N, C-alpha and C. Protein backbone atom coordinates (compact mmCIF):
# COMPACT_ATOMS: atom_id res chain seq x y z
N MET A 1 159.72 66.44 134.61
CA MET A 1 159.39 66.74 133.21
C MET A 1 157.36 66.22 133.35
N ILE A 2 157.73 65.01 133.92
CA ILE A 2 156.15 64.06 134.23
C ILE A 2 155.16 65.12 135.04
N GLN A 3 155.92 65.36 136.08
CA GLN A 3 155.07 66.34 136.77
C GLN A 3 154.29 67.25 136.00
N TYR A 4 155.51 68.18 134.90
CA TYR A 4 154.84 69.23 134.32
C TYR A 4 153.65 69.17 133.47
N VAL A 5 153.88 67.88 132.60
CA VAL A 5 152.50 67.39 131.92
C VAL A 5 151.52 66.90 132.39
N LYS A 6 151.71 66.41 133.77
CA LYS A 6 150.61 66.13 134.70
C LYS A 6 149.99 67.38 134.79
N GLU A 7 150.91 68.17 135.64
CA GLU A 7 150.01 69.64 136.15
C GLU A 7 149.73 70.23 134.85
N SER A 8 149.94 70.15 134.01
CA SER A 8 149.56 71.19 132.67
C SER A 8 147.82 70.28 131.97
N TYR A 9 148.03 69.08 132.07
CA TYR A 9 146.76 68.40 131.96
C TYR A 9 145.90 68.89 132.38
N GLU A 10 146.03 68.82 134.37
CA GLU A 10 144.97 69.06 135.08
C GLU A 10 144.61 70.65 134.82
N GLU A 11 145.61 71.51 134.66
CA GLU A 11 145.02 72.87 134.46
C GLU A 11 143.93 72.69 133.15
N LEU A 12 144.17 72.17 132.11
CA LEU A 12 143.38 72.38 131.21
C LEU A 12 142.30 71.56 130.95
N THR A 13 142.10 70.44 131.99
CA THR A 13 140.94 69.91 131.95
C THR A 13 139.77 70.41 132.74
N ASN A 14 140.41 71.28 133.97
CA ASN A 14 139.49 71.94 135.19
C ASN A 14 139.78 73.14 135.24
N HIS A 15 140.49 73.88 134.68
CA HIS A 15 140.38 75.29 135.36
C HIS A 15 140.23 76.30 133.61
N VAL A 16 140.48 75.84 132.68
CA VAL A 16 140.13 76.24 131.64
C VAL A 16 138.86 76.23 130.99
N THR A 17 138.44 77.37 130.65
CA THR A 17 137.05 77.79 130.21
C THR A 17 137.21 78.03 128.57
N TRP A 18 136.36 76.77 127.81
CA TRP A 18 136.63 76.67 127.02
C TRP A 18 135.07 77.23 125.99
N PRO A 19 135.65 77.79 125.06
CA PRO A 19 134.03 78.33 124.21
C PRO A 19 133.13 77.48 123.75
N ASN A 20 131.82 77.84 123.68
CA ASN A 20 130.88 77.01 123.07
C ASN A 20 131.17 77.00 121.48
N ILE A 21 130.29 75.65 120.97
CA ILE A 21 130.66 75.75 119.30
C ILE A 21 130.42 77.07 118.78
N SER A 22 129.40 77.68 118.95
CA SER A 22 128.74 78.87 118.46
C SER A 22 129.73 80.29 118.60
N ASP A 23 130.34 80.10 119.62
CA ASP A 23 131.26 81.30 120.14
C ASP A 23 132.25 81.31 119.17
N ALA A 24 133.10 79.90 119.16
CA ALA A 24 134.42 79.32 118.78
C ALA A 24 133.86 79.97 116.85
N GLN A 25 132.82 79.83 116.52
CA GLN A 25 132.76 79.88 115.00
C GLN A 25 132.64 81.44 114.50
N LYS A 26 131.92 81.98 115.72
CA LYS A 26 131.80 83.69 115.41
C LYS A 26 133.42 84.18 115.68
N GLU A 27 134.34 83.59 116.35
CA GLU A 27 135.40 84.12 116.68
C GLU A 27 136.21 83.48 115.41
N MET A 28 136.06 82.63 114.88
CA MET A 28 136.76 82.29 113.02
C MET A 28 136.65 82.72 112.46
N VAL A 29 134.96 83.33 112.29
CA VAL A 29 134.68 84.08 111.12
C VAL A 29 135.56 85.60 110.96
N VAL A 30 135.40 85.91 112.35
CA VAL A 30 136.34 87.39 112.84
C VAL A 30 138.12 87.02 112.32
N VAL A 31 138.70 86.06 112.23
CA VAL A 31 139.84 85.79 112.43
C VAL A 31 140.22 85.69 110.93
N VAL A 32 139.14 84.80 109.66
CA VAL A 32 139.27 84.68 108.95
C VAL A 32 139.34 86.09 108.11
N VAL A 33 138.06 86.90 108.20
CA VAL A 33 137.71 88.20 107.64
C VAL A 33 139.36 88.99 107.66
N PHE A 34 139.79 89.09 109.17
CA PHE A 34 140.71 90.14 109.23
C PHE A 34 141.87 89.21 108.70
N SER A 35 142.12 87.93 108.60
CA SER A 35 143.35 87.63 107.95
C SER A 35 143.14 87.87 106.29
N ILE A 36 142.06 87.72 105.47
CA ILE A 36 142.22 88.08 104.48
C ILE A 36 141.94 89.78 104.23
N LEU A 37 141.67 90.63 105.10
CA LEU A 37 141.83 92.18 104.88
C LEU A 37 143.36 92.22 105.02
N PHE A 38 144.03 91.61 105.87
CA PHE A 38 145.74 91.82 106.51
C PHE A 38 146.36 91.48 105.17
N SER A 39 146.05 90.44 104.79
CA SER A 39 146.74 89.91 103.38
C SER A 39 146.57 90.88 101.96
N LEU A 40 145.42 91.53 101.92
CA LEU A 40 145.39 92.24 100.82
C LEU A 40 146.01 93.42 100.56
N VAL A 41 145.96 94.37 102.12
CA VAL A 41 146.96 95.38 102.81
C VAL A 41 148.28 95.09 101.97
N ILE A 42 148.78 93.59 102.83
CA ILE A 42 150.35 93.30 102.37
C ILE A 42 150.57 93.13 100.66
N TRP A 43 149.36 92.86 100.07
CA TRP A 43 149.52 92.62 98.83
C TRP A 43 149.68 93.42 97.85
N GLY A 44 148.72 95.13 98.24
CA GLY A 44 148.95 96.16 98.01
C GLY A 44 150.02 96.64 98.04
N MET A 45 150.70 96.64 99.26
CA MET A 45 151.94 97.26 99.43
C MET A 45 153.36 97.02 98.86
N ASP A 46 153.10 95.84 98.76
CA ASP A 46 154.17 94.80 98.08
C ASP A 46 154.04 95.13 96.40
N SER A 47 152.99 95.71 96.32
CA SER A 47 152.47 95.63 94.27
C SER A 47 152.97 96.91 94.21
N SER A 48 152.59 98.31 95.53
CA SER A 48 153.02 98.98 95.25
C SER A 48 154.54 99.63 94.93
N PHE A 49 155.30 98.66 96.10
CA PHE A 49 156.80 98.97 96.21
C PHE A 49 157.41 98.48 95.01
N GLU A 50 156.88 97.12 94.38
CA GLU A 50 157.53 97.04 93.19
C GLU A 50 157.27 97.49 91.95
N TYR A 51 156.21 98.72 91.80
CA TYR A 51 155.91 99.20 90.86
C TYR A 51 156.83 100.70 90.88
N LEU A 52 157.17 101.29 92.10
CA LEU A 52 157.92 101.99 92.28
C LEU A 52 159.69 102.07 92.15
N ILE A 53 160.02 100.83 92.51
CA ILE A 53 161.31 100.18 92.52
C ILE A 53 162.00 100.13 90.79
N GLY A 54 160.37 99.44 90.34
CA GLY A 54 160.69 99.30 88.61
C GLY A 54 160.80 100.56 88.11
N LYS A 55 159.84 101.55 88.37
CA LYS A 55 160.16 102.86 87.92
C LYS A 55 161.63 103.65 87.95
N TYR A 56 161.74 103.68 89.17
CA TYR A 56 163.09 103.91 89.61
C TYR A 56 164.38 103.64 89.24
N PHE A 57 164.38 101.99 88.73
CA PHE A 57 165.60 101.50 88.00
C PHE A 57 165.18 101.81 86.42
N GLU A 58 163.95 101.78 86.15
CA GLU A 58 163.51 102.51 84.75
C GLU A 58 164.24 103.80 84.30
N PHE A 59 163.94 104.69 85.43
CA PHE A 59 164.31 106.13 85.19
C PHE A 59 166.14 106.39 85.28
N MET A 60 166.24 105.24 86.28
CA MET A 60 167.98 105.41 86.13
C MET A 60 168.64 104.67 85.09
N LYS A 61 167.94 104.08 84.25
CA LYS A 61 168.54 103.66 83.29
C LYS A 61 168.58 104.44 81.85
N LEU A 62 167.89 105.65 81.89
CA LEU A 62 167.19 106.29 80.78
C LEU A 62 168.53 107.39 81.19
N LYS A 63 168.79 107.35 82.57
CA LYS A 63 170.22 108.73 82.28
C LYS A 63 171.35 108.28 81.92
């Protein structure tokens, strides 16, 4: 386990290419925008299903 941690640390410090701060900020903006849009789509679908199920049970109640 100790050897694995040492090798992992060595890999991260010597072989991983880290983005510069401006690239990281641009990518963060893309992730935030996508997350907001995705959450709005999920909210819209949830609201639509809630409305449809409510109408279904209201219709069944009248029968």
